[in-house]
Every structure is written in C-alpha cells, then in structure tokens.
Amino acid sequence: MLFRSDVTKGQILVDGTDVKDLKLHDLRSRIGYVPQKAVLFSGTIDSNIRYGREEATKEEVEKAAKIAQAWDFIREKEDGVQEAIAQGGTNVSGGQKQRLSIARAIAKNPKVFLFDDSFSALDFKTDARLRKALKQDVSESAVIIVAQRISTILDADQIIVLDEGKIVGKGTHKELLENCPVYQQIARSQMSEEELA
C-alpha cells in the first residue's frame, strides 16, 4: 500500500507527476498491482478481468488475457469469458487464477505495473512467454517485478538486490553476476553455469 509519507528523500513521479500532488484515488488508478496470492471474485472471467476498468472493450479484455497467457484456457471453457468464477476462484487452478489476476491488471492499462512475486505460480515457459508479451505490448508503462526466481528478472533493465531489507546490489543481470556476491549466490543456487552464461 502506498502512503504519501513513505517518501523520505527525493520524489516519486508517476507519468511526470509527483505522487504528493495526486489524490490517493488517482494514484491507485495509475497502478496495476498483482499480489503473490491472486484474488478472484464471484462472477465471470470477463467481470474479473474488467474489475479494475469496467469500460474495457471486448477486444481489450481478449488482448489482456492473451498477454497474460490466459486466453488458451479461457477458449477451452464452455462459456469462454462468460464462464462463472466461484468466490475466491476455487473452480480454477492456481496458475489460471494468477493469469486472470495479471490480465485484470493489464486490462486496467495503468502507467505502472507492480507484480509482487506474482509469477511464482506459473511454470517457467508460461513465465517467459508472459514477460515477452509484456515487454512487447506494455512498453509505455513502467514494470516493477518483485521476484525470488532469477529467471523471472533476467532481462530486466535494472535489478535491485535486497538482503535483510537493505540494498546490496543494483544493475543488470550480467553486472550483478560480476560484482554482487549475494546475487551470485542466489543465481548459482537456482541456475546451472550454462544457463547463467
């Protein structure tokens, strides 16, 4: 959750506007947040994707679902986007729930995406396809990914490494492999030397 009092030095700008100059509602409307534990509401797939922006067109809902790698399983449902979703999404798998939650954020068309370890429920191939689609289709927005899996953030423009709440490294994957012992340790515990190269 964002509070204006969080900024102790410098400033945070969203689309060129200082967050201190925005009403909290306006600030939240510019952010697409996807938590690690996906939340779905009773209704339909369509209403869950439109939750952050009810005026989204049918085409925008479909595009968001495609970017989120959810369209294939949606098409397999008997009622497609009108398929019923139980409260909490108990009638879809964890990965499907997460992809629908990501599609909701994409359909909102925000200036900033914040993915809070929200790719962890996805298999590696889906994770890679989703990140590639995000890079191609939401390049006008800032994308912040909180992740524990190195493979999720390999291609990030900038990676910030935290250790016990403190920043211990900042740079690209290649730079961090050269000069950040904490990152090196995490990377080597998750990936082979061939993958790291």
Protein backbone atom coordinates (compact mmCIF):
# COMPACT_ATOMS: atom_id res chain seq x y z
CA MET A 1 0.00 0.00 0.00
CA LEU A 2 1.30 3.45 -0.88
CA PHE A 3 1.24 6.39 1.52
CA ARG A 4 2.49 9.88 0.77
CA SER A 5 4.55 9.86 3.96
CA ASP A 6 6.62 6.94 2.59
CA VAL A 7 8.89 9.29 0.61
CA THR A 8 11.67 10.48 2.95
CA LYS A 9 14.13 11.70 0.28
CA GLY A 10 13.73 12.81 -3.31
CA GLN A 11 10.43 12.25 -5.06
CA ILE A 12 8.41 9.60 -6.81
CA LEU A 13 6.97 10.60 -10.17
CA VAL A 14 4.22 8.73 -11.99
CA ASP A 15 3.94 9.86 -15.60
CA GLY A 16 5.81 13.03 -14.68
CA THR A 17 3.59 13.92 -11.72
CA ASP A 18 4.84 13.87 -8.13
CA VAL A 19 2.74 11.40 -6.11
CA LYS A 20 2.35 14.10 -3.44
CA ASP A 21 0.32 16.10 -5.97
CA LEU A 22 -2.07 13.23 -6.69
CA LYS A 23 -5.18 12.26 -4.78
CA LEU A 24 -4.85 8.72 -3.42
CA HIS A 25 -7.65 7.51 -5.74
CA ASP A 26 -5.87 8.99 -8.78
CA LEU A 27 -2.56 7.42 -7.73
CA ARG A 28 -4.17 4.00 -7.30
CA SER A 29 -5.90 4.30 -10.68
CA ARG A 30 -2.47 4.60 -12.32
CA ILE A 31 -1.11 1.41 -10.75
CA GLY A 32 -1.83 -2.18 -11.79
CA TYR A 33 -0.97 -4.30 -8.75
CA VAL A 34 -0.83 -8.09 -8.81
CA PRO A 35 -0.16 -9.75 -5.43
CA GLN A 36 1.56 -13.10 -4.99
CA LYS A 37 -1.71 -14.64 -3.84
CA ALA A 38 -4.18 -14.00 -6.64
CA VAL A 39 -7.67 -12.86 -5.71
CA LEU A 40 -10.73 -13.56 -7.85
CA PHE A 41 -14.33 -12.58 -7.18
CA SER A 42 -17.58 -14.40 -7.82
CA GLY A 43 -18.88 -13.51 -11.26
CA THR A 44 -17.45 -14.38 -14.65
CA ILE A 45 -13.99 -14.45 -16.17
CA ASP A 46 -14.98 -11.28 -18.04
CA SER A 47 -16.13 -9.41 -14.91
CA ASN A 48 -12.95 -10.42 -13.07
CA ILE A 49 -10.73 -9.08 -15.87
CA ARG A 50 -12.80 -5.87 -16.12
CA TYR A 51 -12.76 -5.33 -12.35
CA GLY A 52 -10.18 -2.52 -12.49
CA ARG A 53 -11.66 -0.90 -15.60
CA GLU A 54 -15.27 -1.78 -16.30
CA GLU A 55 -15.32 0.19 -19.57
CA ALA A 56 -12.66 -2.08 -21.15
CA THR A 57 -13.83 -3.27 -24.56
CA LYS A 58 -14.26 -6.91 -25.54
CA GLU A 59 -11.07 -6.59 -27.63
CA GLU A 60 -9.12 -5.11 -24.69
CA VAL A 61 -10.25 -7.95 -22.42
CA GLU A 62 -9.14 -10.50 -25.02
CA LYS A 63 -5.79 -8.74 -25.55
CA ALA A 64 -5.17 -8.59 -21.78
CA ALA A 65 -5.97 -12.31 -21.49
CA LYS A 66 -3.63 -13.11 -24.38
CA ILE A 67 -0.74 -11.12 -22.87
CA ALA A 68 -1.36 -12.83 -19.50
CA GLN A 69 -1.24 -16.23 -21.25
CA ALA A 70 -4.82 -16.92 -20.14
CA TRP A 71 -6.60 -16.90 -23.50
CA ASP A 72 -5.94 -20.55 -24.39
CA PHE A 73 -7.58 -21.92 -21.25
CA ILE A 74 -10.41 -19.35 -21.46
CA ARG A 75 -11.26 -20.52 -25.00
CA GLU A 76 -11.45 -24.11 -23.73
CA LYS A 77 -14.14 -23.16 -21.20
CA GLU A 78 -17.67 -23.98 -22.30
CA ASP A 79 -18.82 -20.37 -21.89
CA GLY A 80 -15.50 -18.69 -22.72
CA VAL A 81 -15.12 -15.32 -20.97
CA GLN A 82 -18.66 -15.70 -19.61
CA GLU A 83 -17.63 -18.82 -17.64
CA ALA A 84 -18.64 -18.50 -13.99
CA ILE A 85 -15.93 -17.92 -11.38
CA ALA A 86 -16.64 -19.02 -7.81
CA GLN A 87 -15.82 -16.70 -4.90
CA GLY A 88 -12.05 -16.82 -4.41
CA GLY A 89 -11.59 -18.59 -7.75
CA THR A 90 -11.95 -22.04 -6.22
CA ASN A 91 -13.06 -23.51 -9.57
CA VAL A 92 -9.83 -22.63 -11.43
CA SER A 93 -6.24 -23.77 -10.85
CA GLY A 94 -3.65 -21.65 -9.04
CA GLY A 95 -1.85 -20.82 -12.29
CA GLN A 96 -5.12 -19.91 -14.04
CA LYS A 97 -6.13 -17.74 -11.11
CA GLN A 98 -2.80 -15.93 -11.26
CA ARG A 99 -3.05 -15.37 -15.03
CA LEU A 100 -6.56 -13.94 -14.66
CA SER A 101 -5.31 -11.63 -11.91
CA ILE A 102 -2.48 -10.48 -14.23
CA ALA A 103 -4.98 -9.99 -17.09
CA ARG A 104 -7.05 -7.76 -14.78
CA ALA A 105 -4.04 -5.51 -14.16
CA ILE A 106 -3.24 -5.38 -17.89
CA ALA A 107 -6.84 -4.51 -18.84
CA LYS A 108 -6.66 -1.59 -16.42
CA ASN A 109 -3.99 -0.08 -18.71
CA PRO A 110 -2.01 1.54 -15.88
CA LYS A 111 1.09 3.72 -16.01
CA VAL A 112 2.87 1.42 -13.51
CA PHE A 113 2.66 -2.35 -13.10
CA LEU A 114 3.68 -3.87 -9.77
CA PHE A 115 3.99 -7.65 -9.84
CA ASP A 116 4.63 -8.80 -6.27
CA ASP A 117 6.14 -12.27 -6.81
CA SER A 118 3.07 -12.94 -8.92
CA PHE A 119 4.82 -15.16 -11.49
CA SER A 120 5.76 -17.77 -8.90
CA ALA A 121 2.62 -19.86 -9.57
CA LEU A 122 3.48 -20.05 -13.28
CA ASP A 123 5.64 -22.68 -14.92
CA PHE A 124 8.90 -21.44 -16.47
CA LYS A 125 7.63 -21.49 -20.09
CA THR A 126 4.46 -19.53 -19.26
CA ASP A 127 6.51 -17.09 -17.17
CA ALA A 128 8.88 -16.49 -20.13
CA ARG A 129 6.04 -16.06 -22.66
CA LEU A 130 4.21 -13.67 -20.35
CA ARG A 131 7.28 -11.49 -19.76
CA LYS A 132 7.99 -11.38 -23.51
CA ALA A 133 4.39 -10.34 -24.24
CA LEU A 134 4.54 -7.68 -21.51
CA LYS A 135 7.74 -6.24 -22.99
CA GLN A 136 6.15 -6.04 -26.44
CA ASP A 137 2.69 -4.80 -25.52
CA VAL A 138 3.00 -2.58 -22.43
CA SER A 139 6.25 -0.80 -23.24
CA GLU A 140 4.71 2.60 -22.40
CA SER A 141 4.28 1.56 -18.74
CA ALA A 142 6.86 1.06 -16.01
CA VAL A 143 7.04 -2.58 -14.91
CA ILE A 144 8.26 -3.44 -11.41
CA ILE A 145 8.67 -7.15 -10.65
CA VAL A 146 9.35 -8.45 -7.16
CA ALA A 147 10.72 -11.96 -7.62
CA GLN A 148 12.66 -14.71 -5.93
CA ARG A 149 13.23 -16.62 -9.18
CA ILE A 150 16.25 -15.31 -11.09
CA SER A 151 14.79 -16.48 -14.41
CA THR A 152 11.86 -14.06 -13.94
CA ILE A 153 14.09 -10.96 -13.83
CA LEU A 154 16.99 -11.96 -16.11
CA ASP A 155 16.12 -9.42 -18.81
CA ALA A 156 15.19 -6.54 -16.51
CA ASP A 157 16.70 -3.14 -17.32
CA GLN A 158 17.69 -2.83 -13.67
CA ILE A 159 17.68 -5.36 -10.84
CA ILE A 160 17.81 -4.29 -7.20
CA VAL A 161 19.07 -6.97 -4.81
CA LEU A 162 17.82 -6.84 -1.22
CA ASP A 163 19.36 -8.68 1.71
CA GLU A 164 17.56 -8.35 5.05
CA GLY A 165 15.80 -5.19 3.84
CA LYS A 166 18.95 -3.43 2.61
CA ILE A 167 20.01 -2.81 -0.99
CA VAL A 168 23.20 -4.80 -1.60
CA GLY A 169 23.34 -4.62 -5.38
CA LYS A 170 21.94 -2.75 -8.36
CA GLY A 171 22.45 -3.31 -12.08
CA THR A 172 21.74 -5.72 -14.91
CA HIS A 173 21.95 -9.50 -14.54
CA LYS A 174 25.40 -9.50 -16.13
CA GLU A 175 26.68 -6.67 -13.92
CA LEU A 176 25.37 -8.30 -10.75
CA LEU A 177 26.96 -11.64 -11.64
CA GLU A 178 30.26 -9.80 -11.78
CA ASN A 179 30.03 -7.63 -8.67
CA CYS A 180 27.30 -8.73 -6.23
CA PRO A 181 28.10 -11.77 -4.04
CA VAL A 182 24.51 -12.09 -2.75
CA TYR A 183 23.14 -12.15 -6.31
CA GLN A 184 25.83 -14.61 -7.40
CA GLN A 185 24.88 -16.95 -4.57
CA ILE A 186 21.15 -16.79 -5.40
CA ALA A 187 21.77 -17.21 -9.13
CA ARG A 188 24.09 -20.20 -8.69
CA SER A 189 21.59 -21.90 -6.36
CA GLN A 190 18.84 -21.64 -8.99
CA MET A 191 20.57 -21.96 -12.36
CA SER A 192 23.32 -24.01 -13.98
CA GLU A 193 26.55 -22.40 -15.17
CA GLU A 194 25.35 -22.85 -18.79
CA GLU A 195 22.08 -21.02 -18.06
CA LEU A 196 23.94 -18.22 -16.28
CA ALA A 197 26.24 -17.75 -19.26
